[in-house]
Amino acid sequence: MVKKERIEFDENISPLSPLEERIMDFLWTNGPSPIGVISESLNVTMSSVAATLDRLVKNGIVERRQEKVDGRRKFVYYPLLSKDDMVKMFVENILDRLVENFGDVVVEYFHRRGIRQ
């Protein structure tokens, strides 16, 4: 049996987990930062921040670079997308999934609403 991907929506539609969102907001506001600075600023354990950043790196949202910070080599994390680009990518992904799953119904809805490309 082929399992179909479900589209689920809740009150807080976000492409990121709550901690991912906090970390990204920190990076967008403060710029590239090492784990220790992020952890301390958000009052979250370093292991939680490290695991979350690993996930963000794997998903191509954050880049990890080894740099000299305070005389020591540390990983510094850079956001690869602006907040606006992240939102656009998320909305496009949702719309693509809706069209893939519901095709003509979605297209007709947008035409009725006067929303055109």
PDB file of N, CA and C in Angstrom:
ATOM      1  N   MET A   1       0.842  -1.171   0.000  1.00  0.00           N
ATOM      2  CA  MET A   1       0.000   0.000   0.000  1.00  0.00           C
ATOM      3  C   MET A   1       0.893   1.241   0.000  1.00  0.00           C
ATOM      4  N   VAL A   2       0.534   2.224  -0.804  1.00  0.00           N
ATOM      5  CA  VAL A   2       1.282   3.469  -0.900  1.00  0.00           C
ATOM      6  C   VAL A   2       0.708   4.453   0.105  1.00  0.00           C
ATOM      7  N   LYS A   3       1.589   4.984   0.933  1.00  0.00           N
ATOM      8  CA  LYS A   3       1.150   5.954   1.931  1.00  0.00           C
ATOM      9  C   LYS A   3       1.198   7.346   1.310  1.00  0.00           C
ATOM     10  N   LYS A   4       0.082   8.042   1.341  1.00  0.00           N
ATOM     11  CA  LYS A   4       0.026   9.397   0.814  1.00  0.00           C
ATOM     12  C   LYS A   4       0.423  10.382   1.898  1.00  0.00           C
ATOM     13  N   GLU A   5       1.094  11.428   1.478  1.00  0.00           N
ATOM     14  CA  GLU A   5       1.476  12.477   2.418  1.00  0.00           C
ATOM     15  C   GLU A   5       0.234  13.275   2.788  1.00  0.00           C
ATOM     16  N   ARG A   6       0.069  13.514   4.073  1.00  0.00           N
ATOM     17  CA  ARG A   6      -1.084  14.279   4.546  1.00  0.00           C
ATOM     18  C   ARG A   6      -0.726  15.746   4.639  1.00  0.00           C
ATOM     19  N   ILE A   7      -1.682  16.563   4.352  1.00  0.00           N
ATOM     20  CA  ILE A   7      -1.520  17.996   4.555  1.00  0.00           C
ATOM     21  C   ILE A   7      -2.317  18.333   5.794  1.00  0.00           C
ATOM     22  N   GLU A   8      -1.617  18.739   6.838  1.00  0.00           N
ATOM     23  CA  GLU A   8      -2.284  19.077   8.091  1.00  0.00           C
ATOM     24  C   GLU A   8      -2.048  20.543   8.405  1.00  0.00           C
ATOM     25  N   PHE A   9      -3.073  21.188   8.890  1.00  0.00           N
ATOM     26  CA  PHE A   9      -2.971  22.589   9.264  1.00  0.00           C
ATOM     27  C   PHE A   9      -3.443  22.740  10.700  1.00  0.00           C
ATOM     28  N   ASP A  10      -2.792  23.621  11.414  1.00  0.00           N
ATOM     29  CA  ASP A  10      -3.254  23.952  12.753  1.00  0.00           C
ATOM     30  C   ASP A  10      -3.241  25.471  12.876  1.00  0.00           C
ATOM     31  N   GLU A  11      -3.475  25.958  14.064  1.00  0.00           N
ATOM     32  CA  GLU A  11      -3.533  27.400  14.257  1.00  0.00           C
ATOM     33  C   GLU A  11      -2.208  28.074  13.943  1.00  0.00           C
ATOM     34  N   ASN A  12      -1.101  27.419  14.226  1.00  0.00           N
ATOM     35  CA  ASN A  12       0.217  27.985  13.998  1.00  0.00           C
ATOM     36  C   ASN A  12       0.857  27.283  12.809  1.00  0.00           C
ATOM     37  N   ILE A  13       0.586  27.781  11.613  1.00  0.00           N
ATOM     38  CA  ILE A  13       1.165  27.180  10.421  1.00  0.00           C
ATOM     39  C   ILE A  13       2.567  27.741  10.263  1.00  0.00           C
ATOM     40  N   SER A  14       3.550  26.900  10.449  1.00  0.00           N
ATOM     41  CA  SER A  14       4.944  27.325  10.343  1.00  0.00           C
ATOM     42  C   SER A  14       5.771  26.197   9.745  1.00  0.00           C
ATOM     43  N   PRO A  15       6.740  26.559   8.898  1.00  0.00           N
ATOM     44  CA  PRO A  15       7.608  25.524   8.340  1.00  0.00           C
ATOM     45  C   PRO A  15       8.643  25.035   9.343  1.00  0.00           C
ATOM     46  N   LEU A  16       8.719  25.690  10.480  1.00  0.00           N
ATOM     47  CA  LEU A  16       9.746  25.385  11.477  1.00  0.00           C
ATOM     48  C   LEU A  16       9.123  24.951  12.798  1.00  0.00           C
ATOM     49  N   SER A  17       9.868  24.149  13.542  1.00  0.00           N
ATOM     50  CA  SER A  17       9.452  23.814  14.905  1.00  0.00           C
ATOM     51  C   SER A  17       9.612  25.077  15.755  1.00  0.00           C
ATOM     52  N   PRO A  18       9.011  25.114  16.941  1.00  0.00           N
ATOM     53  CA  PRO A  18       9.164  26.307  17.787  1.00  0.00           C
ATOM     54  C   PRO A  18      10.631  26.662  18.069  1.00  0.00           C
ATOM     55  N   LEU A  19      11.475  25.664  18.354  1.00  0.00           N
ATOM     56  CA  LEU A  19      12.884  25.968  18.632  1.00  0.00           C
ATOM     57  C   LEU A  19      13.612  26.395  17.361  1.00  0.00           C
ATOM     58  N   GLU A  20      13.317  25.751  16.238  1.00  0.00           N
ATOM     59  CA  GLU A  20      13.919  26.177  14.972  1.00  0.00           C
ATOM     60  C   GLU A  20      13.562  27.629  14.687  1.00  0.00           C
ATOM     61  N   GLU A  21      12.319  27.985  14.937  1.00  0.00           N
ATOM     62  CA  GLU A  21      11.863  29.355  14.703  1.00  0.00           C
ATOM     63  C   GLU A  21      12.594  30.345  15.612  1.00  0.00           C
ATOM     64  N   ARG A  22      12.772  29.992  16.872  1.00  0.00           N
ATOM     65  CA  ARG A  22      13.497  30.876  17.802  1.00  0.00           C
ATOM     66  C   ARG A  22      14.947  31.059  17.364  1.00  0.00           C
ATOM     67  N   ILE A  23      15.576  29.965  16.942  1.00  0.00           N
ATOM     68  CA  ILE A  23      16.971  30.041  16.495  1.00  0.00           C
ATOM     69  C   ILE A  23      17.077  30.885  15.229  1.00  0.00           C
ATOM     70  N   MET A  24      16.185  30.666  14.276  1.00  0.00           N
ATOM     71  CA  MET A  24      16.232  31.448  13.040  1.00  0.00           C
ATOM     72  C   MET A  24      15.967  32.924  13.318  1.00  0.00           C
ATOM     73  N   ASP A  25      15.004  33.231  14.174  1.00  0.00           N
ATOM     74  CA  ASP A  25      14.754  34.631  14.536  1.00  0.00           C
ATOM     75  C   ASP A  25      16.005  35.252  15.149  1.00  0.00           C
ATOM     76  N   PHE A  26      16.695  34.486  15.991  1.00  0.00           N
ATOM     77  CA  PHE A  26      17.936  34.977  16.595  1.00  0.00           C
ATOM     78  C   PHE A  26      18.974  35.266  15.507  1.00  0.00           C
ATOM     79  N   LEU A  27      19.164  34.321  14.580  1.00  0.00           N
ATOM     80  CA  LEU A  27      20.161  34.514  13.521  1.00  0.00           C
ATOM     81  C   LEU A  27      19.783  35.660  12.587  1.00  0.00           C
ATOM     82  N   TRP A  28      18.508  35.794  12.261  1.00  0.00           N
ATOM     83  CA  TRP A  28      18.080  36.895  11.397  1.00  0.00           C
ATOM     84  C   TRP A  28      18.280  38.240  12.090  1.00  0.00           C
ATOM     85  N   THR A  29      18.093  38.283  13.386  1.00  0.00           N
ATOM     86  CA  THR A  29      18.236  39.534  14.133  1.00  0.00           C
ATOM     87  C   THR A  29      19.691  39.855  14.447  1.00  0.00           C
ATOM     88  N   ASN A  30      20.451  38.843  14.867  1.00  0.00           N
ATOM     89  CA  ASN A  30      21.807  39.070  15.377  1.00  0.00           C
ATOM     90  C   ASN A  30      22.920  38.698  14.410  1.00  0.00           C
ATOM     91  N   GLY A  31      22.591  38.030  13.338  1.00  0.00           N
ATOM     92  CA  GLY A  31      23.600  37.624  12.369  1.00  0.00           C
ATOM     93  C   GLY A  31      24.275  36.328  12.773  1.00  0.00           C
ATOM     94  N   PRO A  32      25.266  35.912  11.981  1.00  0.00           N
ATOM     95  CA  PRO A  32      25.964  34.647  12.216  1.00  0.00           C
ATOM     96  C   PRO A  32      26.479  34.542  13.649  1.00  0.00           C
ATOM     97  N   SER A  33      26.295  33.361  14.249  1.00  0.00           N
ATOM     98  CA  SER A  33      26.653  33.177  15.662  1.00  0.00           C
ATOM     99  C   SER A  33      27.074  31.743  15.930  1.00  0.00           C
ATOM    100  N   PRO A  34      27.957  31.557  16.935  1.00  0.00           N
ATOM    101  CA  PRO A  34      28.302  30.200  17.376  1.00  0.00           C
ATOM    102  C   PRO A  34      27.215  29.640  18.298  1.00  0.00           C
ATOM    103  N   ILE A  35      27.239  28.329  18.481  1.00  0.00           N
ATOM    104  CA  ILE A  35      26.235  27.645  19.304  1.00  0.00           C
ATOM    105  C   ILE A  35      26.136  28.240  20.704  1.00  0.00           C
ATOM    106  N   GLY A  36      27.267  28.483  21.340  1.00  0.00           N
ATOM    107  CA  GLY A  36      27.263  28.977  22.716  1.00  0.00           C
ATOM    108  C   GLY A  36      26.503  30.278  22.877  1.00  0.00           C
ATOM    109  N   VAL A  37      26.693  31.190  21.934  1.00  0.00           N
ATOM    110  CA  VAL A  37      26.003  32.487  21.989  1.00  0.00           C
ATOM    111  C   VAL A  37      24.502  32.296  21.801  1.00  0.00           C
ATOM    112  N   ILE A  38      24.132  31.448  20.856  1.00  0.00           N
ATOM    113  CA  ILE A  38      22.708  31.184  20.608  1.00  0.00           C
ATOM    114  C   ILE A  38      22.079  30.536  21.837  1.00  0.00           C
ATOM    115  N   SER A  39      22.749  29.525  22.362  1.00  0.00           N
ATOM    116  CA  SER A  39      22.255  28.788  23.531  1.00  0.00           C
ATOM    117  C   SER A  39      22.041  29.714  24.724  1.00  0.00           C
ATOM    118  N   GLU A  40      23.041  30.527  25.004  1.00  0.00           N
ATOM    119  CA  GLU A  40      22.964  31.433  26.154  1.00  0.00           C
ATOM    120  C   GLU A  40      21.880  32.486  25.955  1.00  0.00           C
ATOM    121  N   SER A  41      21.803  33.047  24.771  1.00  0.00           N
ATOM    122  CA  SER A  41      20.819  34.101  24.498  1.00  0.00           C
ATOM    123  C   SER A  41      19.384  33.594  24.564  1.00  0.00           C
ATOM    124  N   LEU A  42      19.169  32.350  24.112  1.00  0.00           N
ATOM    125  CA  LEU A  42      17.813  31.790  24.106  1.00  0.00           C
ATOM    126  C   LEU A  42      17.487  31.021  25.376  1.00  0.00           C
ATOM    127  N   ASN A  43      18.505  30.850  26.238  1.00  0.00           N
ATOM    128  CA  ASN A  43      18.347  30.082  27.474  1.00  0.00           C
ATOM    129  C   ASN A  43      17.863  28.654  27.176  1.00  0.00           C
ATOM    130  N   VAL A  44      18.570  28.025  26.223  1.00  0.00           N
ATOM    131  CA  VAL A  44      18.277  26.654  25.804  1.00  0.00           C
ATOM    132  C   VAL A  44      19.589  25.882  25.877  1.00  0.00           C
ATOM    133  N   THR A  45      19.534  24.615  26.257  1.00  0.00           N
ATOM    134  CA  THR A  45      20.767  23.833  26.393  1.00  0.00           C
ATOM    135  C   THR A  45      21.526  23.781  25.066  1.00  0.00           C
ATOM    136  N   MET A  46      22.856  23.711  25.190  1.00  0.00           N
ATOM    137  CA  MET A  46      23.693  23.645  23.995  1.00  0.00           C
ATOM    138  C   MET A  46      23.381  22.407  23.162  1.00  0.00           C
ATOM    139  N   SER A  47      23.077  21.291  23.828  1.00  0.00           N
ATOM    140  CA  SER A  47      22.784  20.065  23.070  1.00  0.00           C
ATOM    141  C   SER A  47      21.506  20.217  22.242  1.00  0.00           C
ATOM    142  N   SER A  48      20.501  20.886  22.791  1.00  0.00           N
ATOM    143  CA  SER A  48      19.257  21.117  22.037  1.00  0.00           C
ATOM    144  C   SER A  48      19.500  22.049  20.853  1.00  0.00           C
ATOM    145  N   VAL A  49      20.277  23.097  21.096  1.00  0.00           N
ATOM    146  CA  VAL A  49      20.597  24.042  20.020  1.00  0.00           C
ATOM    147  C   VAL A  49      21.419  23.340  18.941  1.00  0.00           C
ATOM    148  N   ALA A  50      22.408  22.536  19.358  1.00  0.00           N
ATOM    149  CA  ALA A  50      23.266  21.826  18.399  1.00  0.00           C
ATOM    150  C   ALA A  50      22.452  20.863  17.537  1.00  0.00           C
ATOM    151  N   ALA A  51      21.569  20.098  18.156  1.00  0.00           N
ATOM    152  CA  ALA A  51      20.744  19.139  17.408  1.00  0.00           C
ATOM    153  C   ALA A  51      19.821  19.866  16.429  1.00  0.00           C
ATOM    154  N   THR A  52      19.265  20.973  16.875  1.00  0.00           N
ATOM    155  CA  THR A  52      18.361  21.741  16.022  1.00  0.00           C
ATOM    156  C   THR A  52      19.120  22.374  14.866  1.00  0.00           C
ATOM    157  N   LEU A  53      20.295  22.919  15.151  1.00  0.00           N
ATOM    158  CA  LEU A  53      21.106  23.500  14.081  1.00  0.00           C
ATOM    159  C   LEU A  53      21.547  22.438  13.078  1.00  0.00           C
ATOM    160  N   ASP A  54      21.868  21.245  13.552  1.00  0.00           N
ATOM    161  CA  ASP A  54      22.215  20.147  12.640  1.00  0.00           C
ATOM    162  C   ASP A  54      21.071  19.882  11.659  1.00  0.00           C
ATOM    163  N   ARG A  55      19.844  19.891  12.178  1.00  0.00           N
ATOM    164  CA  ARG A  55      18.661  19.673  11.338  1.00  0.00           C
ATOM    165  C   ARG A  55      18.506  20.813  10.320  1.00  0.00           C
ATOM    166  N   LEU A  56      18.722  22.050  10.774  1.00  0.00           N
ATOM    167  CA  LEU A  56      18.603  23.202   9.880  1.00  0.00           C
ATOM    168  C   LEU A  56      19.683  23.178   8.797  1.00  0.00           C
ATOM    169  N   VAL A  57      20.885  22.727   9.154  1.00  0.00           N
ATOM    170  CA  VAL A  57      21.969  22.585   8.170  1.00  0.00           C
ATOM    171  C   VAL A  57      21.588  21.516   7.150  1.00  0.00           C
ATOM    172  N   LYS A  58      21.118  20.381   7.642  1.00  0.00           N
ATOM    173  CA  LYS A  58      20.729  19.260   6.769  1.00  0.00           C
ATOM    174  C   LYS A  58      19.635  19.675   5.788  1.00  0.00           C
ATOM    175  N   ASN A  59      18.730  20.553   6.230  1.00  0.00           N
ATOM    176  CA  ASN A  59      17.618  20.999   5.394  1.00  0.00           C
ATOM    177  C   ASN A  59      17.965  22.199   4.514  1.00  0.00           C
ATOM    178  N   GLY A  60      19.232  22.654   4.566  1.00  0.00           N
ATOM    179  CA  GLY A  60      19.672  23.743   3.702  1.00  0.00           C
ATOM    180  C   GLY A  60      19.174  25.114   4.097  1.00  0.00           C
ATOM    181  N   ILE A  61      18.829  25.280   5.366  1.00  0.00           N
ATOM    182  CA  ILE A  61      18.311  26.557   5.854  1.00  0.00           C
ATOM    183  C   ILE A  61      19.421  27.371   6.510  1.00  0.00           C
ATOM    184  N   VAL A  62      20.401  26.670   7.072  1.00  0.00           N
ATOM    185  CA  VAL A  62      21.524  27.295   7.778  1.00  0.00           C
ATOM    186  C   VAL A  62      22.816  26.683   7.248  1.00  0.00           C
ATOM    187  N   GLU A  63      23.874  27.486   7.233  1.00  0.00           N
ATOM    188  CA  GLU A  63      25.199  27.002   6.851  1.00  0.00           C
ATOM    189  C   GLU A  63      26.116  27.048   8.068  1.00  0.00           C
ATOM    190  N   ARG A  64      26.960  26.020   8.194  1.00  0.00           N
ATOM    191  CA  ARG A  64      27.904  25.933   9.312  1.00  0.00           C
ATOM    192  C   ARG A  64      29.312  26.175   8.750  1.00  0.00           C
ATOM    193  N   ARG A  65      30.017  27.144   9.349  1.00  0.00           N
ATOM    194  CA  ARG A  65      31.397  27.426   8.942  1.00  0.00           C
ATOM    195  C   ARG A  65      32.285  27.394  10.176  1.00  0.00           C
ATOM    196  N   GLN A  66      33.468  26.825  10.015  1.00  0.00           N
ATOM    197  CA  GLN A  66      34.409  26.816  11.131  1.00  0.00           C
ATOM    198  C   GLN A  66      35.245  28.092  11.044  1.00  0.00           C
ATOM    199  N   GLU A  67      35.225  28.871  12.129  1.00  0.00           N
ATOM    200  CA  GLU A  67      35.928  30.153  12.159  1.00  0.00           C
ATOM    201  C   GLU A  67      36.619  30.330  13.498  1.00  0.00           C
ATOM    202  N   LYS A  68      37.553  31.270  13.520  1.00  0.00           N
ATOM    203  CA  LYS A  68      38.225  31.605  14.768  1.00  0.00           C
ATOM    204  C   LYS A  68      37.377  32.646  15.505  1.00  0.00           C
ATOM    205  N   VAL A  69      36.945  32.296  16.706  1.00  0.00           N
ATOM    206  CA  VAL A  69      36.137  33.191  17.542  1.00  0.00           C
ATOM    207  C   VAL A  69      36.803  33.244  18.906  1.00  0.00           C
ATOM    208  N   ASP A  70      37.141  34.441  19.363  1.00  0.00           N
ATOM    209  CA  ASP A  70      37.810  34.608  20.661  1.00  0.00           C
ATOM    210  C   ASP A  70      39.059  33.731  20.756  1.00  0.00           C
ATOM    211  N   GLY A  71      39.802  33.654  19.657  1.00  0.00           N
ATOM    212  CA  GLY A  71      41.052  32.897  19.658  1.00  0.00           C
ATOM    213  C   GLY A  71      40.898  31.388  19.540  1.00  0.00           C
ATOM    214  N   ARG A  72      39.677  30.897  19.410  1.00  0.00           N
ATOM    215  CA  ARG A  72      39.441  29.446  19.305  1.00  0.00           C
ATOM    216  C   ARG A  72      38.647  29.147  18.043  1.00  0.00           C
ATOM    217  N   ARG A  73      38.844  27.944  17.487  1.00  0.00           N
ATOM    218  CA  ARG A  73      38.075  27.512  16.320  1.00  0.00           C
ATOM    219  C   ARG A  73      36.686  27.060  16.785  1.00  0.00           C
ATOM    220  N   LYS A  74      35.659  27.657  16.205  1.00  0.00           N
ATOM    221  CA  LYS A  74      34.279  27.304  16.558  1.00  0.00           C
ATOM    222  C   LYS A  74      33.442  27.252  15.290  1.00  0.00           C
ATOM    223  N   PHE A  75      32.348  26.501  15.368  1.00  0.00           N
ATOM    224  CA  PHE A  75      31.387  26.527  14.273  1.00  0.00           C
ATOM    225  C   PHE A  75      30.508  27.757  14.444  1.00  0.00           C
ATOM    226  N   VAL A  76      30.365  28.504  13.362  1.00  0.00           N
ATOM    227  CA  VAL A  76      29.501  29.676  13.334  1.00  0.00           C
ATOM    228  C   VAL A  76      28.392  29.373  12.326  1.00  0.00           C
ATOM    229  N   TYR A  77      27.170  29.711  12.688  1.00  0.00           N
ATOM    230  CA  TYR A  77      25.999  29.367  11.881  1.00  0.00           C
ATOM    231  C   TYR A  77      25.439  30.607  11.192  1.00  0.00           C
ATOM    232  N   TYR A  78      25.220  30.474   9.890  1.00  0.00           N
ATOM    233  CA  TYR A  78      24.737  31.553   9.035  1.00  0.00           C
ATOM    234  C   TYR A  78      23.385  31.171   8.442  1.00  0.00           C
ATOM    235  N   PRO A  79      22.402  32.066   8.502  1.00  0.00           N
ATOM    236  CA  PRO A  79      21.136  31.773   7.820  1.00  0.00           C
ATOM    237  C   PRO A  79      21.355  31.852   6.309  1.00  0.00           C
ATOM    238  N   LEU A  80      20.859  30.878   5.567  1.00  0.00           N
ATOM    239  CA  LEU A  80      21.003  30.874   4.109  1.00  0.00           C
ATOM    240  C   LEU A  80      19.833  31.557   3.410  1.00  0.00           C
ATOM    241  N   LEU A  81      18.738  31.718   4.127  1.00  0.00           N
ATOM    242  CA  LEU A  81      17.552  32.362   3.574  1.00  0.00           C
ATOM    243  C   LEU A  81      17.155  33.534   4.454  1.00  0.00           C
ATOM    244  N   SER A  82      16.650  34.593   3.833  1.00  0.00           N
ATOM    245  CA  SER A  82      16.061  35.678   4.617  1.00  0.00           C
ATOM    246  C   SER A  82      14.710  35.192   5.137  1.00  0.00           C
ATOM    247  N   LYS A  83      14.169  35.912   6.100  1.00  0.00           N
ATOM    248  CA  LYS A  83      12.856  35.535   6.633  1.00  0.00           C
ATOM    249  C   LYS A  83      11.801  35.590   5.518  1.00  0.00           C
ATOM    250  N   ASP A  84      11.860  36.630   4.683  1.00  0.00           N
ATOM    251  CA  ASP A  84      10.901  36.752   3.577  1.00  0.00           C
ATOM    252  C   ASP A  84      11.019  35.588   2.599  1.00  0.00           C
ATOM    253  N   ASP A  85      12.256  35.209   2.261  1.00  0.00           N
ATOM    254  CA  ASP A  85      12.452  34.081   1.345  1.00  0.00           C
ATOM    255  C   ASP A  85      11.945  32.778   1.953  1.00  0.00           C
ATOM    256  N   MET A  86      12.125  32.631   3.261  1.00  0.00           N
ATOM    257  CA  MET A  86      11.655  31.431   3.956  1.00  0.00           C
ATOM    258  C   MET A  86      10.128  31.345   3.880  1.00  0.00           C
ATOM    259  N   VAL A  87       9.460  32.468   4.112  1.00  0.00           N
ATOM    260  CA  VAL A  87       7.994  32.504   4.056  1.00  0.00           C
ATOM    261  C   VAL A  87       7.518  32.206   2.633  1.00  0.00           C
ATOM    262  N   LYS A  88       8.162  32.826   1.633  1.00  0.00           N
ATOM    263  CA  LYS A  88       7.782  32.578   0.232  1.00  0.00           C
ATOM    264  C   LYS A  88       7.940  31.103  -0.121  1.00  0.00           C
ATOM    265  N   MET A  89       9.058  30.508   0.278  1.00  0.00           N
ATOM    266  CA  MET A  89       9.307  29.103  -0.009  1.00  0.00           C
ATOM    267  C   MET A  89       8.239  28.222   0.649  1.00  0.00           C
ATOM    268  N   PHE A  90       7.876  28.547   1.884  1.00  0.00           N
ATOM    269  CA  PHE A  90       6.870  27.783   2.611  1.00  0.00           C
ATOM    270  C   PHE A  90       5.505  27.883   1.925  1.00  0.00           C
ATOM    271  N   VAL A  91       5.106  29.096   1.562  1.00  0.00           N
ATOM    272  CA  VAL A  91       3.807  29.293   0.910  1.00  0.00           C
ATOM    273  C   VAL A  91       3.778  28.576  -0.440  1.00  0.00           C
ATOM    274  N   GLU A  92       4.859  28.699  -1.213  1.00  0.00           N
ATOM    275  CA  GLU A  92       4.916  28.016  -2.504  1.00  0.00           C
ATOM    276  C   GLU A  92       4.807  26.504  -2.330  1.00  0.00           C
ATOM    277  N   ASN A  93       5.456  25.974  -1.298  1.00  0.00           N
ATOM    278  CA  ASN A  93       5.406  24.539  -1.041  1.00  0.00           C
ATOM    279  C   ASN A  93       3.982  24.093  -0.719  1.00  0.00           C
ATOM    280  N   ILE A  94       3.299  24.850   0.122  1.00  0.00           N
ATOM    281  CA  ILE A  94       1.908  24.512   0.472  1.00  0.00           C
ATOM    282  C   ILE A  94       1.016  24.572  -0.764  1.00  0.00           C
ATOM    283  N   LEU A  95       1.153  25.649  -1.547  1.00  0.00           N
ATOM    284  CA  LEU A  95       0.315  25.781  -2.739  1.00  0.00           C
ATOM    285  C   LEU A  95       0.592  24.666  -3.740  1.00  0.00           C
ATOM    286  N   ASP A  96       1.864  24.323  -3.933  1.00  0.00           N
ATOM    287  CA  ASP A  96       2.206  23.214  -4.833  1.00  0.00           C
ATOM    288  C   ASP A  96       1.565  21.913  -4.363  1.00  0.00           C
ATOM    289  N   ARG A  97       1.619  21.661  -3.060  1.00  0.00           N
ATOM    290  CA  ARG A  97       1.031  20.430  -2.515  1.00  0.00           C
ATOM    291  C   ARG A  97      -0.486  20.427  -2.670  1.00  0.00           C
ATOM    292  N   LEU A  98      -1.114  21.578  -2.474  1.00  0.00           N
ATOM    293  CA  LEU A  98      -2.566  21.661  -2.661  1.00  0.00           C
ATOM    294  C   LEU A  98      -2.941  21.377  -4.115  1.00  0.00           C
ATOM    295  N   VAL A  99      -2.207  21.981  -5.053  1.00  0.00           N
ATOM    296  CA  VAL A  99      -2.495  21.760  -6.470  1.00  0.00           C
ATOM    297  C   VAL A  99      -2.249  20.299  -6.842  1.00  0.00           C
ATOM    298  N   GLU A 100      -1.152  19.719  -6.342  1.00  0.00           N
ATOM    299  CA  GLU A 100      -0.861  18.310  -6.627  1.00  0.00           C
ATOM    300  C   GLU A 100      -1.971  17.391  -6.114  1.00  0.00           C
ATOM    301  N   ASN A 101      -2.498  17.699  -4.937  1.00  0.00           N
ATOM    302  CA  ASN A 101      -3.494  16.827  -4.314  1.00  0.00           C
ATOM    303  C   ASN A 101      -4.926  17.112  -4.756  1.00  0.00           C
ATOM    304  N   PHE A 102      -5.226  18.367  -5.084  1.00  0.00           N
ATOM    305  CA  PHE A 102      -6.614  18.729  -5.366  1.00  0.00           C
ATOM    306  C   PHE A 102      -6.804  19.400  -6.724  1.00  0.00           C
ATOM    307  N   GLY A 103      -5.733  19.551  -7.475  1.00  0.00           N
ATOM    308  CA  GLY A 103      -5.732  20.034  -8.852  1.00  0.00           C
ATOM    309  C   GLY A 103      -6.706  21.126  -9.210  1.00  0.00           C
ATOM    310  N   ASP A 104      -7.667  20.760 -10.059  1.00  0.00           N
ATOM    311  CA  ASP A 104      -8.592  21.732 -10.636  1.00  0.00           C
ATOM    312  C   ASP A 104      -9.401  22.486  -9.592  1.00  0.00           C
ATOM    313  N   VAL A 105      -9.723  21.849  -8.501  1.00  0.00           N
ATOM    314  CA  VAL A 105     -10.510  22.509  -7.448  1.00  0.00           C
ATOM    315  C   VAL A 105      -9.746  23.716  -6.905  1.00  0.00           C
ATOM    316  N   VAL A 106      -8.455  23.552  -6.684  1.00  0.00           N
ATOM    317  CA  VAL A 106      -7.630  24.645  -6.153  1.00  0.00           C
ATOM    318  C   VAL A 106      -7.472  25.744  -7.195  1.00  0.00           C
ATOM    319  N   VAL A 107      -7.195  25.355  -8.431  1.00  0.00           N
ATOM    320  CA  VAL A 107      -7.025  26.342  -9.502  1.00  0.00           C
ATOM    321  C   VAL A 107      -8.308  27.141  -9.684  1.00  0.00           C
ATOM    322  N   GLU A 108      -9.441  26.452  -9.696  1.00  0.00           N
ATOM    323  CA  GLU A 108     -10.735  27.131  -9.827  1.00  0.00           C
ATOM    324  C   GLU A 108     -10.966  28.097  -8.660  1.00  0.00           C
ATOM    325  N   TYR A 109     -10.606  27.682  -7.468  1.00  0.00           N
ATOM    326  CA  TYR A 109     -10.763  28.545  -6.295  1.00  0.00           C
ATOM    327  C   TYR A 109      -9.975  29.842  -6.478  1.00  0.00           C
ATOM    328  N   PHE A 110      -8.722  29.727  -6.906  1.00  0.00           N
ATOM    329  CA  PHE A 110      -7.903  30.932  -7.086  1.00  0.00           C
ATOM    330  C   PHE A 110      -8.473  31.834  -8.178  1.00  0.00           C
ATOM    331  N   HIS A 111      -9.003  31.238  -9.225  1.00  0.00           N
ATOM    332  CA  HIS A 111      -9.621  32.052 -10.274  1.00  0.00           C
ATOM    333  C   HIS A 111     -10.852  32.781  -9.738  1.00  0.00           C
ATOM    334  N   ARG A 112     -11.649  32.089  -8.939  1.00  0.00           N
ATOM    335  CA  ARG A 112     -12.825  32.735  -8.331  1.00  0.00           C
ATOM    336  C   ARG A 112     -12.408  33.875  -7.420  1.00  0.00           C
ATOM    337  N   ARG A 113     -11.321  33.705  -6.714  1.00  0.00           N
ATOM    338  CA  ARG A 113     -10.838  34.733  -5.781  1.00  0.00           C
ATOM    339  C   ARG A 113     -10.107  35.863  -6.506  1.00  0.00           C
ATOM    340  N   GLY A 114      -9.867  35.676  -7.787  1.00  0.00           N
ATOM    341  CA  GLY A 114      -9.175  36.710  -8.547  1.00  0.00           C
ATOM    342  C   GLY A 114      -7.676  36.707  -8.319  1.00  0.00           C
ATOM    343  N   ILE A 115      -7.157  35.590  -7.802  1.00  0.00           N
ATOM    344  CA  ILE A 115      -5.723  35.483  -7.551  1.00  0.00           C
ATOM    345  C   ILE A 115      -5.114  34.764  -8.745  1.00  0.00           C
ATOM    346  N   ARG A 116      -4.295  35.472  -9.503  1.00  0.00           N
ATOM    347  CA  ARG A 116      -3.677  34.890 -10.701  1.00  0.00           C
ATOM    348  C   ARG A 116      -2.169  35.091 -10.633  1.00  0.00           C
ATOM    349  N   GLN A 117      -1.482  34.213 -11.365  1.00  0.00           N
ATOM    350  CA  GLN A 117      -0.012  34.332 -11.399  1.00  0.00           C
ATOM    351  C   GLN A 117       0.399  35.441 -12.328  1.00  0.00           C
TER     352      GLN A 117
END
